[in-house]
Protein backbone atom coordinates (compact mmCIF):
# COMPACT_ATOMS: atom_id res chain seq x y z
CA MET A 1 -43.07 -5.79 -22.30
CA THR A 2 -46.75 -4.96 -22.24
CA ARG A 3 -47.50 -1.32 -22.93
CA SER A 4 -50.64 0.64 -22.25
CA GLY A 5 -52.65 2.13 -25.08
CA LEU A 6 -51.37 5.62 -24.28
CA GLN A 7 -47.75 4.45 -24.33
CA GLN A 8 -48.31 2.75 -27.66
CA ASP A 9 -49.92 5.92 -29.06
CA VAL A 10 -46.90 7.99 -28.02
CA ILE A 11 -44.47 5.51 -29.57
CA ASN A 12 -46.47 5.29 -32.80
CA LEU A 13 -46.67 9.08 -33.10
CA TYR A 14 -42.93 9.44 -32.52
CA ARG A 15 -42.19 6.79 -35.14
CA GLN A 16 -44.50 8.58 -37.57
CA GLY A 17 -42.56 11.79 -36.91
CA VAL A 18 -39.23 10.06 -37.57
CA ARG A 19 -40.56 8.60 -40.82
CA ASN A 20 -41.77 12.06 -41.79
CA ALA A 21 -38.36 13.59 -41.03
CA MET A 22 -36.60 10.91 -43.06
CA SER A 23 -38.80 11.71 -46.05
CA LYS A 24 -37.45 15.28 -46.15
CA THR A 25 -34.25 16.44 -47.84
CA VAL A 26 -30.94 15.68 -46.15
CA GLU A 27 -30.37 19.38 -45.38
CA ALA A 28 -33.75 19.79 -43.67
CA ARG A 29 -33.79 16.43 -41.89
CA GLN A 30 -31.87 17.62 -38.82
CA SER A 31 -34.30 20.46 -38.24
CA PHE A 32 -37.32 18.16 -38.45
CA LEU A 33 -35.72 15.67 -36.06
CA LEU A 34 -34.82 18.42 -33.58
CA HIS A 35 -38.38 19.75 -33.76
CA LEU A 36 -39.69 16.26 -33.03
CA ARG A 37 -37.31 15.65 -30.12
CA TYR A 38 -37.97 19.00 -28.51
CA ASN A 39 -41.74 18.76 -28.74
CA PHE A 40 -41.82 15.24 -27.34
CA ARG A 41 -39.67 16.15 -24.34
CA ASN A 42 -41.01 19.61 -23.56
CA PRO A 43 -42.88 20.34 -21.39
CA PRO A 44 -41.59 17.49 -19.23
CA LEU A 45 -44.61 15.47 -18.14
CA GLY A 46 -44.97 12.87 -15.43
CA GLN A 47 -46.16 9.36 -16.14
CA ARG A 48 -49.50 10.01 -14.46
CA ASP A 49 -50.34 13.26 -16.25
CA TYR A 50 -52.79 11.48 -18.52
CA THR A 51 -54.71 14.57 -19.57
CA ALA A 52 -51.54 16.50 -20.38
CA ILE A 53 -50.12 13.56 -22.34
CA GLU A 54 -53.35 13.20 -24.31
CA HIS A 55 -53.36 16.94 -24.99
CA GLN A 56 -49.77 16.81 -26.24
CA LEU A 57 -50.62 13.79 -28.44
CA ARG A 58 -53.51 15.64 -30.08
CA ARG A 59 -51.39 18.74 -30.58
CA MET A 60 -48.44 16.82 -31.97
CA SER A 61 -50.60 14.74 -34.33
CA ARG A 62 -51.99 17.95 -35.85
CA THR A 63 -48.48 19.35 -36.17
CA LEU A 64 -47.15 16.17 -37.78
CA GLU A 65 -50.06 16.12 -40.19
CA MET A 66 -49.16 19.63 -41.27
CA LEU A 67 -45.41 18.88 -41.49
CA SER A 68 -45.94 15.68 -43.46
CA GLU A 69 -47.29 17.62 -46.44
CA PRO A 70 -44.90 17.37 -49.41
CA SER A 71 -45.00 21.15 -49.77
CA THR A 72 -43.40 21.56 -46.33
CA GLN A 73 -39.71 21.35 -47.10
CA ARG A 74 -38.08 23.44 -44.36
CA ILE A 75 -38.76 24.25 -40.73
CA SER A 76 -37.17 26.98 -38.66
CA ILE A 77 -35.61 26.03 -35.35
CA SER A 78 -35.18 28.54 -32.54
CA PRO A 79 -31.76 29.04 -30.91
CA GLU A 80 -33.37 27.94 -27.63
CA TRP A 81 -34.08 24.51 -29.12
CA LYS A 82 -30.52 24.22 -30.44
CA ASP A 83 -29.12 25.15 -27.01
CA TRP A 84 -31.45 22.64 -25.37
CA TRP A 85 -30.26 19.85 -27.68
CA ALA A 86 -26.59 20.78 -27.13
CA GLY A 87 -27.23 20.51 -23.38
CA GLU A 88 -28.92 17.12 -23.80
CA VAL A 89 -25.97 15.82 -25.81
CA GLN A 90 -23.54 17.17 -23.22
CA ASN A 91 -25.51 15.54 -20.37
CA ALA A 92 -25.54 12.22 -22.20
CA ARG A 93 -21.79 12.38 -22.74
CA THR A 94 -21.11 13.14 -19.08
CA ARG A 95 -23.42 10.30 -18.00
CA THR A 96 -21.59 7.81 -20.20
CA LYS A 97 -18.23 9.01 -18.89
CA ALA A 98 -19.51 8.75 -15.32
CA THR A 99 -20.74 5.18 -15.75
CA SER A 100 -17.54 4.06 -17.47
CA SER A 101 -15.22 5.09 -14.61
CA PRO A 102 -15.60 3.20 -11.28
CA GLN A 103 -14.67 6.19 -9.08
CA SER A 104 -17.36 8.46 -10.45
CA ALA A 105 -19.96 5.68 -10.29
CA ALA A 106 -19.43 5.41 -6.53
CA SER A 107 -19.83 9.15 -6.08
CA SER A 108 -22.99 9.27 -8.20
CA GLU A 109 -24.61 6.53 -6.11
CA SER A 110 -24.36 8.77 -3.04
CA THR A 111 -26.75 11.26 -4.63
CA THR A 112 -30.36 10.50 -3.79
CA SER A 113 -33.23 10.95 -6.18
CA LEU A 114 -34.66 13.76 -4.01
CA GLU A 115 -31.50 15.79 -4.53
CA GLN A 116 -31.65 15.49 -8.29
CA GLY A 117 -33.75 17.78 -10.43
CA PRO A 118 -35.68 16.76 -13.53
CA GLY A 119 -32.60 16.95 -15.74
CA GLY A 120 -30.43 15.03 -13.28
CA GLU A 121 -28.77 18.18 -11.92
CA ILE A 122 -28.57 18.66 -8.20
CA ASP A 123 -30.75 21.45 -6.88
CA GLY A 124 -32.12 20.11 -3.61
CA GLU A 125 -33.91 23.23 -2.38
CA GLU A 126 -35.90 23.75 -5.59
CA THR A 127 -36.98 20.11 -5.68
CA LYS A 128 -38.01 20.14 -2.04
CA LYS A 129 -40.15 23.25 -2.56
CA GLN A 130 -41.85 21.65 -5.51
CA VAL A 131 -42.61 18.47 -3.56
CA THR A 132 -44.36 20.41 -0.80
CA LYS A 133 -46.78 22.18 -3.18
CA LYS A 134 -49.87 20.14 -2.30
CA ASP A 135 -53.51 21.11 -2.00
CA GLU A 136 -55.91 19.98 0.74
CA GLY A 137 -56.53 16.65 -0.99
CA GLY A 138 -52.80 15.88 -1.05
CA ARG A 139 -52.58 16.25 -4.82
CA ASP A 140 -49.85 18.17 -6.58
CA ARG A 141 -51.06 21.73 -7.05
CA ASP A 142 -48.99 22.45 -10.16
CA GLN A 143 -49.88 19.59 -12.47
CA TRP A 144 -48.05 21.09 -15.44
CA GLY A 145 -45.44 23.09 -13.55
CA GLY A 146 -47.62 26.21 -13.46
CA LYS A 147 -48.10 26.29 -17.23
CA LEU A 148 -51.03 24.95 -19.16
CA PRO A 149 -49.79 23.09 -22.22
CA GLY A 150 -50.54 24.81 -25.48
CA HIS A 151 -51.72 28.05 -23.90
CA GLY A 152 -48.47 29.96 -23.69
CA GLY A 153 -48.33 29.57 -19.92
CA THR A 154 -51.47 31.56 -19.18
């Protein structure tokens, strides 16, 4: 598959982060991997948010440069990140159970993509409100979901 330069940059940076995490002690490795996963998936960005993706790449490359120092041996992880990862694991387990049973696969096909939220959960009204937030030019008004990346939502 042919990938764009931006896609290749994201993949290379993620691989660099995994190599960095694997170079740490066994006890600290899970924290570094969770930090990497969380920061690559949050904030959730669309495929066409080029400026936001480039911003996140620059930010993450600086962070990885700092974390790759041999003197950095531990990293603290917030309970929010741990809860997020537990939810991701739970969602993955329910998806695999749903695809393995034929009855649940038929019921999941009846759900349209407009009814599903970003995490796959069904919240039709919220998604419909978000879709209608357009400016005069027809572009999405909230490019980053109302939060500027890296600015604490201001």
